[in-house]
Amino acid sequence: MNWAIRRLGPEDGQAMRALNALFAREFDDPESYCSNPPGEPYFRQVLSRDAVIALAAEVGEAPIGGLVAYVLQKLEQERSEIYIYDLAVAEAERRKGVATALIAELQRIAGSIGAWVIYVQADFGDEPAIALYTKLGIREDVMHFDIAPQATR
């Protein structure tokens, strides 16, 4: 293992930009991840929140994988859950334990804050992701819907 995992903080805007570039490349989605990048003040504000968990697997300062997750405080009980929103590993670095190590670090963080579950969705046909998540958790078949916000004046 020649990489290390670290949690990005308020001063890591440049590292988050590099992680977004990795997400853009690995998800083949430059429009979402690179077309309108946030500025340093935005990164500083968002990465300072305890409810935002951005983890980077890096060789030196170059990301080879990363994970972005959000802590959601629940109202039906006094508890929180964590949603993995983005998880990607550079193609050349796959099958080396990077994604498993990123999730293990998230599990450690989840345990330290008392979260009751971590959840993630996978797309149909994304067999590597489905295999990873099946190895680590319990599968639930659910449907996902995107609902547009109401336009404001």
Protein backbone atom coordinates (compact mmCIF):
# COMPACT_ATOMS: atom_id res chain seq x y z
CA MET A 1 0.00 0.00 0.00
CA ASN A 2 1.63 3.23 -1.15
CA TRP A 3 -1.38 5.45 -0.47
CA ALA A 4 -2.88 7.06 2.61
CA ILE A 5 -6.43 8.10 3.44
CA ARG A 6 -7.22 11.43 5.01
CA ARG A 7 -10.32 13.44 5.78
CA LEU A 8 -10.41 16.74 3.95
CA GLY A 9 -10.99 19.85 6.00
CA PRO A 10 -11.69 23.56 5.48
CA GLU A 11 -8.22 24.29 4.07
CA ASP A 12 -8.38 21.49 1.49
CA GLY A 13 -10.18 23.23 -1.37
CA GLN A 14 -7.40 22.34 -3.82
CA ALA A 15 -7.53 18.68 -2.77
CA MET A 16 -11.32 18.71 -3.17
CA ARG A 17 -10.91 20.15 -6.67
CA ALA A 18 -8.54 17.28 -7.50
CA LEU A 19 -11.03 14.79 -6.03
CA ASN A 20 -13.83 16.31 -8.12
CA ALA A 21 -11.64 15.90 -11.22
CA LEU A 22 -11.20 12.23 -10.33
CA PHE A 23 -14.98 11.84 -9.89
CA ALA A 24 -15.56 13.57 -13.25
CA ARG A 25 -13.15 11.21 -14.98
CA GLU A 26 -14.26 7.97 -13.30
CA PHE A 27 -18.01 8.73 -13.54
CA ASP A 28 -17.57 10.17 -17.06
CA ASP A 29 -19.45 13.26 -15.87
CA PRO A 30 -17.34 16.41 -16.33
CA GLU A 31 -20.49 18.55 -16.55
CA SER A 32 -21.46 17.83 -12.94
CA TYR A 33 -18.01 17.84 -11.40
CA CYS A 34 -15.94 20.39 -13.31
CA SER A 35 -18.13 22.81 -15.29
CA ASN A 36 -18.86 25.26 -12.45
CA PRO A 37 -16.34 24.62 -9.66
CA PRO A 38 -16.88 26.19 -6.25
CA GLY A 39 -14.50 28.82 -4.96
CA GLU A 40 -12.29 28.54 -1.91
CA PRO A 41 -14.80 30.25 0.46
CA TYR A 42 -17.46 27.68 -0.46
CA PHE A 43 -15.08 24.74 0.02
CA ARG A 44 -13.95 26.23 3.34
CA GLN A 45 -17.56 26.60 4.52
CA VAL A 46 -18.78 23.16 3.44
CA LEU A 47 -15.68 21.18 4.40
CA SER A 48 -15.77 22.72 7.89
CA ARG A 49 -19.13 21.06 8.62
CA ASP A 50 -19.08 17.91 10.73
CA ALA A 51 -21.97 16.59 8.63
CA VAL A 52 -19.81 16.56 5.48
CA ILE A 53 -17.25 13.78 5.23
CA ALA A 54 -14.82 13.96 2.32
CA LEU A 55 -12.12 11.30 2.31
CA ALA A 56 -9.24 11.15 -0.14
CA ALA A 57 -6.97 8.20 -0.82
CA GLU A 58 -3.75 9.83 -1.98
CA VAL A 59 -0.30 9.01 -3.24
CA GLY A 60 1.57 12.09 -2.10
CA GLU A 61 -0.96 14.82 -2.85
CA ALA A 62 -2.52 13.11 -5.87
CA PRO A 63 -5.90 11.45 -5.28
CA ILE A 64 -6.31 7.86 -6.47
CA GLY A 65 -9.72 7.48 -4.85
CA GLY A 66 -12.21 9.33 -2.79
CA LEU A 67 -15.50 9.30 -0.99
CA VAL A 68 -17.98 12.03 -0.11
CA ALA A 69 -20.65 11.24 2.47
CA TYR A 70 -23.21 13.20 4.45
CA VAL A 71 -24.39 12.74 8.03
CA LEU A 72 -28.17 12.98 8.23
CA GLN A 73 -29.70 13.59 11.63
CA LYS A 74 -32.99 11.76 11.95
CA LEU A 75 -36.19 12.83 13.68
CA GLU A 76 -37.92 9.49 14.32
CA GLN A 77 -35.20 8.69 16.88
CA GLU A 78 -32.19 10.52 18.29
CA ARG A 79 -29.76 9.06 15.81
CA SER A 80 -28.00 9.76 12.56
CA GLU A 81 -27.20 7.86 9.42
CA ILE A 82 -24.55 8.44 6.82
CA TYR A 83 -25.18 8.49 3.07
CA ILE A 84 -22.30 7.80 0.70
CA TYR A 85 -22.95 10.14 -2.20
CA ASP A 86 -19.76 9.70 -4.24
CA LEU A 87 -17.19 6.89 -4.18
CA ALA A 88 -14.65 6.37 -6.95
CA VAL A 89 -11.21 4.90 -7.46
CA ALA A 90 -8.96 5.62 -10.42
CA GLU A 91 -9.14 2.79 -12.93
CA ALA A 92 -5.43 1.94 -12.58
CA GLU A 93 -5.79 1.63 -8.80
CA ARG A 94 -8.86 -0.61 -8.65
CA ARG A 95 -8.84 -4.06 -7.03
CA LYS A 96 -6.15 -2.95 -4.58
CA GLY A 97 -8.37 -2.34 -1.55
CA VAL A 98 -8.72 1.43 -1.93
CA ALA A 99 -12.54 1.54 -1.92
CA THR A 100 -12.71 -0.95 0.96
CA ALA A 101 -10.23 1.15 2.94
CA LEU A 102 -12.22 4.33 2.26
CA ILE A 103 -15.39 2.65 3.52
CA ALA A 104 -13.52 1.24 6.54
CA GLU A 105 -12.42 4.78 7.46
CA LEU A 106 -16.00 5.97 7.06
CA GLN A 107 -17.13 3.10 9.32
CA ARG A 108 -14.61 4.26 11.93
CA ILE A 109 -15.94 7.83 11.71
CA ALA A 110 -19.53 6.56 11.84
CA GLY A 111 -18.76 4.60 14.99
CA SER A 112 -17.07 7.60 16.61
CA ILE A 113 -20.17 9.79 16.10
CA GLY A 114 -22.68 7.07 16.97
CA ALA A 115 -24.29 6.77 13.53
CA TRP A 116 -26.57 3.74 13.32
CA VAL A 117 -26.07 2.93 9.63
CA ILE A 118 -24.16 3.89 6.47
CA TYR A 119 -26.05 3.54 3.22
CA VAL A 120 -25.22 3.85 -0.46
CA GLN A 121 -26.96 3.27 -3.76
CA ALA A 122 -25.54 1.52 -6.80
CA ASP A 123 -26.69 1.71 -10.39
CA PHE A 124 -28.02 -1.38 -12.11
CA GLY A 125 -25.23 -2.82 -14.23
CA ASP A 126 -22.41 -1.39 -12.07
CA GLU A 127 -21.27 -4.87 -11.10
CA PRO A 128 -18.00 -3.85 -9.35
CA ALA A 129 -19.87 -1.45 -7.05
CA ILE A 130 -22.64 -3.96 -6.42
CA ALA A 131 -20.08 -6.64 -5.55
CA LEU A 132 -18.24 -4.30 -3.15
CA TYR A 133 -21.38 -3.17 -1.37
CA THR A 134 -22.75 -6.72 -1.19
CA LYS A 135 -19.50 -7.82 0.46
CA LEU A 136 -19.79 -5.06 3.05
CA GLY A 137 -23.51 -4.72 3.72
CA ILE A 138 -27.07 -5.87 3.24
CA ARG A 139 -28.77 -5.24 -0.09
CA GLU A 140 -32.15 -3.55 -0.29
CA ASP A 141 -33.90 -3.11 -3.62
CA VAL A 142 -35.38 0.37 -3.73
CA MET A 143 -36.37 2.89 -6.34
CA HIS A 144 -34.74 6.30 -6.58
CA PHE A 145 -36.57 9.40 -7.79
CA ASP A 146 -35.24 12.88 -8.57
CA ILE A 147 -37.79 15.60 -7.82
CA ALA A 148 -37.04 19.07 -9.15
CA PRO A 149 -37.32 21.99 -6.74
CA GLN A 150 -39.97 24.60 -7.35
CA ALA A 151 -38.69 27.57 -9.33
CA THR A 152 -38.32 30.80 -7.40
CA ARG A 153 -38.90 34.29 -8.73
